């Protein structure tokens, strides 16, 4: 299966970007292995209702299992301190 992850780079507590893009790429590679990254700008409304505009990445990972995808989502959310990471099978 192939999966797409949408990852914002703003920290969920400070609502600001604490990790620069170059460092983020290395962290993503450590978590996801071989992947295709596309830089994004997104709008996200936090659980407290505050809306932010943030840099992020679409991460495409190919030929992995659902379990591997779930683990990657968890690790991405933990590493980047996110409220959520959107995971889509394609």
Protein backbone atom coordinates (compact mmCIF):
# COMPACT_ATOMS: atom_id res chain seq x y z
CA UNK A 1 0.00 0.00 0.00
CA UNK A 2 1.03 3.61 -0.54
CA UNK A 3 0.42 6.36 2.02
CA UNK A 4 0.37 10.14 2.09
CA UNK A 5 1.02 11.98 5.35
CA UNK A 6 0.26 15.68 5.82
CA UNK A 7 2.57 17.12 8.44
CA UNK A 8 2.55 20.69 9.75
CA UNK A 9 5.73 22.09 11.24
CA UNK A 10 4.26 24.36 13.93
CA UNK A 11 4.58 23.08 17.50
CA UNK A 12 1.15 22.36 19.01
CA UNK A 13 1.92 24.27 22.22
CA UNK A 14 3.72 27.37 20.96
CA UNK A 15 1.91 27.36 17.60
CA UNK A 16 5.18 28.43 15.98
CA UNK A 17 7.75 26.58 13.88
CA UNK A 18 10.57 25.40 16.15
CA UNK A 19 12.31 23.04 13.69
CA UNK A 20 13.73 24.47 10.46
CA UNK A 21 12.92 22.80 7.15
CA UNK A 22 16.35 21.24 6.65
CA UNK A 23 16.26 19.60 10.08
CA UNK A 24 12.65 18.54 9.48
CA UNK A 25 13.66 16.74 6.27
CA UNK A 26 16.31 14.76 8.16
CA UNK A 27 13.87 13.83 10.94
CA UNK A 28 11.23 12.77 8.42
CA UNK A 29 13.80 10.61 6.60
CA UNK A 30 14.76 8.96 9.90
CA UNK A 31 11.11 8.11 10.59
CA UNK A 32 9.82 7.28 7.08
CA UNK A 33 12.89 6.07 5.23
CA UNK A 34 12.57 6.35 1.46
CA UNK A 35 9.89 8.89 0.64
CA UNK A 36 8.94 11.82 -1.56
CA UNK A 37 8.53 15.21 0.14
CA UNK A 38 6.59 18.20 -1.13
CA UNK A 39 6.74 21.49 0.78
CA UNK A 40 3.34 22.91 1.68
CA UNK A 41 1.70 25.89 3.34
CA UNK A 42 -1.44 25.01 5.23
CA UNK A 43 -4.12 26.43 7.45
CA UNK A 44 -4.90 24.55 10.67
CA UNK A 45 -7.42 25.23 13.42
CA UNK A 46 -6.16 23.98 16.79
CA UNK A 47 -8.37 22.21 19.32
CA UNK A 48 -8.60 25.53 21.22
CA UNK A 49 -10.04 27.22 18.11
CA UNK A 50 -6.94 29.25 17.19
CA UNK A 51 -6.28 29.18 13.45
CA UNK A 52 -2.68 29.32 12.18
CA UNK A 53 -0.91 29.29 8.84
CA UNK A 54 2.05 26.96 8.85
CA UNK A 55 4.73 25.42 6.69
CA UNK A 56 4.63 21.68 6.30
CA UNK A 57 5.26 18.67 4.11
CA UNK A 58 3.28 16.13 2.15
CA UNK A 59 5.14 12.87 2.64
CA UNK A 60 4.55 10.04 0.15
CA UNK A 61 5.69 6.58 1.23
CA UNK A 62 5.31 3.54 -1.01
CA UNK A 63 4.83 -0.17 -0.45
CA UNK A 64 4.29 -0.23 3.32
CA UNK A 65 1.73 -1.93 5.55
CA UNK A 66 -1.08 -0.27 7.52
CA UNK A 67 0.85 -1.05 10.70
CA UNK A 68 3.98 0.66 9.38
CA UNK A 69 1.91 3.69 8.32
CA UNK A 70 0.28 3.92 11.75
CA UNK A 71 3.70 3.77 13.41
CA UNK A 72 5.02 6.50 11.10
CA UNK A 73 2.01 8.74 11.90
CA UNK A 74 2.57 8.24 15.62
CA UNK A 75 6.31 8.95 15.39
CA UNK A 76 5.79 12.04 13.20
CA UNK A 77 3.21 13.45 15.63
CA UNK A 78 5.46 12.78 18.61
CA UNK A 79 8.66 14.09 17.02
CA UNK A 80 7.07 17.29 15.70
CA UNK A 81 4.72 17.76 18.71
CA UNK A 82 1.55 17.75 16.56
CA UNK A 83 -2.10 17.48 17.55
CA UNK A 84 -2.53 15.22 14.54
CA UNK A 85 -0.94 13.93 11.34
CA UNK A 86 -3.30 13.22 8.45
CA UNK A 87 -2.70 9.76 6.95
CA UNK A 88 -4.29 8.78 3.63
CA UNK A 89 -3.93 5.54 1.71
CA UNK A 90 -3.61 5.91 -2.06
